Amino acid sequence: MDIFFVSLISILLIFLALHFGKKVRVRDNERLLNEIECDLMDEFNLGHNEKEDFDADDLDGIVEWFEDIQLEEKISKEV
């Protein structure tokens, strides 16, 4: 009977430790993502309103510019 209670308590403690460990990891991840977002906004002088003003055209322009740079580098390496 004692073995049953000891194993039940052990299983319960393991479950609680895993549950709270996961909860702490999720909370830390959310805090880290929030901190990264705040740092990026500070770094690029973005306000909360300006962050939402980006549209797909702006990002497409950046992607095209970066692809042009990569193509130029590839061509210069081949020559």
N, C-alpha and C. Protein backbone atom coordinates (compact mmCIF):
# COMPACT_ATOMS: atom_id res chain seq x y z
N MET A 1 0.82 -1.18 0.00
CA MET A 1 0.00 0.00 0.00
C MET A 1 0.87 1.26 0.00
N ASP A 2 1.97 1.20 0.76
CA ASP A 2 2.87 2.35 0.81
C ASP A 2 3.50 2.61 -0.56
N ILE A 3 3.81 1.54 -1.27
CA ILE A 3 4.42 1.69 -2.59
C ILE A 3 3.44 2.39 -3.54
N PHE A 4 2.17 2.10 -3.41
CA PHE A 4 1.16 2.74 -4.25
C PHE A 4 1.12 4.25 -4.00
N PHE A 5 1.10 4.65 -2.73
CA PHE A 5 1.05 6.07 -2.41
C PHE A 5 2.33 6.79 -2.82
N VAL A 6 3.45 6.16 -2.62
CA VAL A 6 4.72 6.77 -3.01
C VAL A 6 4.79 6.95 -4.51
N SER A 7 4.39 5.94 -5.27
CA SER A 7 4.42 6.07 -6.73
C SER A 7 3.38 7.07 -7.22
N LEU A 8 2.20 7.13 -6.58
CA LEU A 8 1.19 8.11 -6.96
C LEU A 8 1.68 9.54 -6.70
N ILE A 9 2.28 9.75 -5.57
CA ILE A 9 2.83 11.07 -5.25
C ILE A 9 3.98 11.42 -6.18
N SER A 10 4.82 10.46 -6.51
CA SER A 10 5.93 10.70 -7.43
C SER A 10 5.42 11.09 -8.82
N ILE A 11 4.43 10.37 -9.30
CA ILE A 11 3.86 10.68 -10.61
C ILE A 11 3.21 12.06 -10.59
N LEU A 12 2.51 12.37 -9.52
CA LEU A 12 1.88 13.68 -9.39
C LEU A 12 2.92 14.79 -9.37
N LEU A 13 4.01 14.61 -8.64
CA LEU A 13 5.07 15.62 -8.58
C LEU A 13 5.75 15.80 -9.94
N ILE A 14 5.97 14.70 -10.64
CA ILE A 14 6.57 14.80 -11.98
C ILE A 14 5.64 15.56 -12.92
N PHE A 15 4.35 15.24 -12.88
CA PHE A 15 3.38 15.94 -13.72
C PHE A 15 3.36 17.43 -13.41
N LEU A 16 3.33 17.78 -12.13
CA LEU A 16 3.31 19.20 -11.75
C LEU A 16 4.59 19.91 -12.18
N ALA A 17 5.72 19.25 -12.03
CA ALA A 17 6.99 19.87 -12.44
C ALA A 17 7.01 20.11 -13.95
N LEU A 18 6.56 19.14 -14.74
CA LEU A 18 6.52 19.31 -16.19
C LEU A 18 5.52 20.40 -16.60
N HIS A 19 4.38 20.43 -15.93
CA HIS A 19 3.35 21.42 -16.25
C HIS A 19 3.85 22.84 -15.97
N PHE A 20 4.42 23.06 -14.79
CA PHE A 20 4.89 24.39 -14.46
C PHE A 20 6.13 24.77 -15.26
N GLY A 21 6.94 23.78 -15.60
CA GLY A 21 8.10 24.06 -16.46
C GLY A 21 7.67 24.55 -17.83
N LYS A 22 6.65 23.90 -18.39
CA LYS A 22 6.13 24.33 -19.70
C LYS A 22 5.52 25.72 -19.59
N LYS A 23 4.80 25.97 -18.53
CA LYS A 23 4.18 27.27 -18.33
C LYS A 23 5.24 28.38 -18.24
N VAL A 24 6.33 28.11 -17.55
CA VAL A 24 7.41 29.08 -17.42
C VAL A 24 8.08 29.32 -18.77
N ARG A 25 8.31 28.25 -19.55
CA ARG A 25 8.92 28.41 -20.87
C ARG A 25 8.06 29.25 -21.80
N VAL A 26 6.75 29.01 -21.78
CA VAL A 26 5.84 29.78 -22.63
C VAL A 26 5.85 31.25 -22.22
N ARG A 27 5.81 31.51 -20.94
CA ARG A 27 5.81 32.89 -20.45
C ARG A 27 7.12 33.58 -20.80
N ASP A 28 8.25 32.89 -20.64
CA ASP A 28 9.54 33.46 -21.00
C ASP A 28 9.65 33.73 -22.49
N ASN A 29 9.10 32.83 -23.30
CA ASN A 29 9.13 33.02 -24.75
C ASN A 29 8.31 34.26 -25.15
N GLU A 30 7.14 34.43 -24.54
CA GLU A 30 6.32 35.60 -24.83
C GLU A 30 7.03 36.88 -24.42
N ARG A 31 7.67 36.87 -23.27
CA ARG A 31 8.42 38.06 -22.82
C ARG A 31 9.58 38.36 -23.75
N LEU A 32 10.27 37.32 -24.21
CA LEU A 32 11.39 37.51 -25.11
C LEU A 32 10.93 38.09 -26.44
N LEU A 33 9.84 37.57 -26.99
CA LEU A 33 9.32 38.10 -28.25
C LEU A 33 8.87 39.55 -28.10
N ASN A 34 8.26 39.86 -26.98
CA ASN A 34 7.84 41.24 -26.72
C ASN A 34 9.06 42.15 -26.61
N GLU A 35 10.10 41.71 -25.95
CA GLU A 35 11.31 42.50 -25.81
C GLU A 35 11.98 42.72 -27.17
N ILE A 36 12.02 41.68 -28.00
CA ILE A 36 12.61 41.81 -29.33
C ILE A 36 11.82 42.81 -30.15
N GLU A 37 10.50 42.74 -30.07
CA GLU A 37 9.65 43.68 -30.82
C GLU A 37 9.90 45.11 -30.36
N CYS A 38 10.00 45.32 -29.06
CA CYS A 38 10.26 46.66 -28.54
C CYS A 38 11.65 47.15 -28.97
N ASP A 39 12.64 46.27 -28.95
CA ASP A 39 13.98 46.65 -29.37
C ASP A 39 14.02 47.04 -30.84
N LEU A 40 13.32 46.27 -31.68
CA LEU A 40 13.27 46.61 -33.10
C LEU A 40 12.57 47.94 -33.33
N MET A 41 11.51 48.18 -32.60
CA MET A 41 10.80 49.45 -32.75
C MET A 41 11.69 50.61 -32.31
N ASP A 42 12.45 50.42 -31.23
CA ASP A 42 13.37 51.46 -30.79
C ASP A 42 14.51 51.65 -31.77
N GLU A 43 15.04 50.55 -32.29
CA GLU A 43 16.18 50.60 -33.19
C GLU A 43 15.85 51.32 -34.48
N PHE A 44 14.67 51.08 -35.02
CA PHE A 44 14.29 51.68 -36.29
C PHE A 44 13.35 52.87 -36.11
N ASN A 45 13.25 53.36 -34.90
CA ASN A 45 12.43 54.53 -34.57
C ASN A 45 11.00 54.39 -35.08
N LEU A 46 10.42 53.27 -34.83
CA LEU A 46 9.04 53.01 -35.23
C LEU A 46 8.13 53.22 -34.03
N GLY A 47 7.03 53.88 -34.27
CA GLY A 47 6.00 53.98 -33.25
C GLY A 47 5.06 52.80 -33.39
N HIS A 48 4.17 52.63 -32.45
CA HIS A 48 3.21 51.54 -32.55
C HIS A 48 2.31 51.72 -33.77
N ASN A 49 1.96 52.94 -34.12
CA ASN A 49 1.09 53.18 -35.27
C ASN A 49 1.83 52.95 -36.58
N GLU A 50 3.13 53.31 -36.61
CA GLU A 50 3.89 53.15 -37.83
C GLU A 50 4.13 51.69 -38.16
N LYS A 51 4.17 50.85 -37.16
CA LYS A 51 4.41 49.43 -37.37
C LYS A 51 3.31 48.81 -38.24
N GLU A 52 2.10 49.27 -38.09
CA GLU A 52 0.98 48.72 -38.82
C GLU A 52 0.85 49.33 -40.22
N ASP A 53 1.63 50.38 -40.53
CA ASP A 53 1.51 51.06 -41.81
C ASP A 53 2.26 50.37 -42.93
N PHE A 54 3.08 49.38 -42.63
CA PHE A 54 3.79 48.66 -43.68
C PHE A 54 2.79 47.84 -44.48
N ASP A 55 2.98 47.86 -45.79
CA ASP A 55 2.13 47.01 -46.61
C ASP A 55 3.01 46.12 -47.48
N ALA A 56 2.38 45.28 -48.24
CA ALA A 56 3.11 44.28 -49.03
C ALA A 56 3.98 44.92 -50.09
N ASP A 57 3.59 46.08 -50.62
CA ASP A 57 4.38 46.75 -51.65
C ASP A 57 5.74 47.17 -51.12
N ASP A 58 5.78 47.67 -49.87
CA ASP A 58 7.05 48.06 -49.27
C ASP A 58 7.97 46.86 -49.12
N LEU A 59 7.41 45.77 -48.65
CA LEU A 59 8.21 44.57 -48.45
C LEU A 59 8.65 43.96 -49.78
N ASP A 60 7.80 44.03 -50.79
CA ASP A 60 8.18 43.52 -52.11
C ASP A 60 9.34 44.32 -52.68
N GLY A 61 9.33 45.64 -52.46
CA GLY A 61 10.42 46.48 -52.93
C GLY A 61 11.73 46.11 -52.25
N ILE A 62 11.68 45.84 -50.97
CA ILE A 62 12.88 45.45 -50.23
C ILE A 62 13.39 44.10 -50.74
N VAL A 63 12.49 43.16 -50.96
CA VAL A 63 12.89 41.84 -51.45
C VAL A 63 13.52 41.96 -52.83
N GLU A 64 12.93 42.75 -53.72
CA GLU A 64 13.50 42.94 -55.06
C GLU A 64 14.88 43.58 -54.99
N TRP A 65 15.03 44.56 -54.13
CA TRP A 65 16.33 45.23 -53.96
C TRP A 65 17.38 44.22 -53.49
N PHE A 66 17.01 43.39 -52.52
CA PHE A 66 17.95 42.41 -51.99
C PHE A 66 18.29 41.36 -53.05
N GLU A 67 17.30 40.95 -53.83
CA GLU A 67 17.57 39.97 -54.89
C GLU A 67 18.49 40.56 -55.95
N ASP A 68 18.34 41.85 -56.25
CA ASP A 68 19.23 42.51 -57.21
C ASP A 68 20.67 42.51 -56.70
N ILE A 69 20.83 42.78 -55.41
CA ILE A 69 22.18 42.77 -54.82
C ILE A 69 22.77 41.37 -54.91
N GLN A 70 21.99 40.36 -54.58
CA GLN A 70 22.49 38.98 -54.66
C GLN A 70 22.86 38.61 -56.09
N LEU A 71 22.07 39.03 -57.06
CA LEU A 71 22.36 38.74 -58.47
C LEU A 71 23.64 39.43 -58.90
N GLU A 72 23.82 40.68 -58.49
CA GLU A 72 25.05 41.41 -58.83
C GLU A 72 26.28 40.72 -58.23
N GLU A 73 26.16 40.25 -56.98
CA GLU A 73 27.28 39.55 -56.35
C GLU A 73 27.58 38.24 -57.07
N LYS A 74 26.55 37.53 -57.48
CA LYS A 74 26.74 36.26 -58.19
C LYS A 74 27.42 36.50 -59.52
N ILE A 75 26.99 37.53 -60.24
CA ILE A 75 27.60 37.85 -61.53
C ILE A 75 29.05 38.27 -61.36
N SER A 76 29.33 39.07 -60.33
CA SER A 76 30.72 39.52 -60.13
C SER A 76 31.64 38.37 -59.74
N LYS A 77 31.11 37.34 -59.08
CA LYS A 77 31.92 36.18 -58.71
C LYS A 77 32.20 35.32 -59.94
N GLU A 78 31.27 35.27 -60.88
CA GLU A 78 31.46 34.46 -62.09
C GLU A 78 32.45 35.08 -63.04
N VAL A 79 32.58 36.39 -63.05
CA VAL A 79 33.47 37.06 -64.01
C VAL A 79 34.89 37.03 -63.57
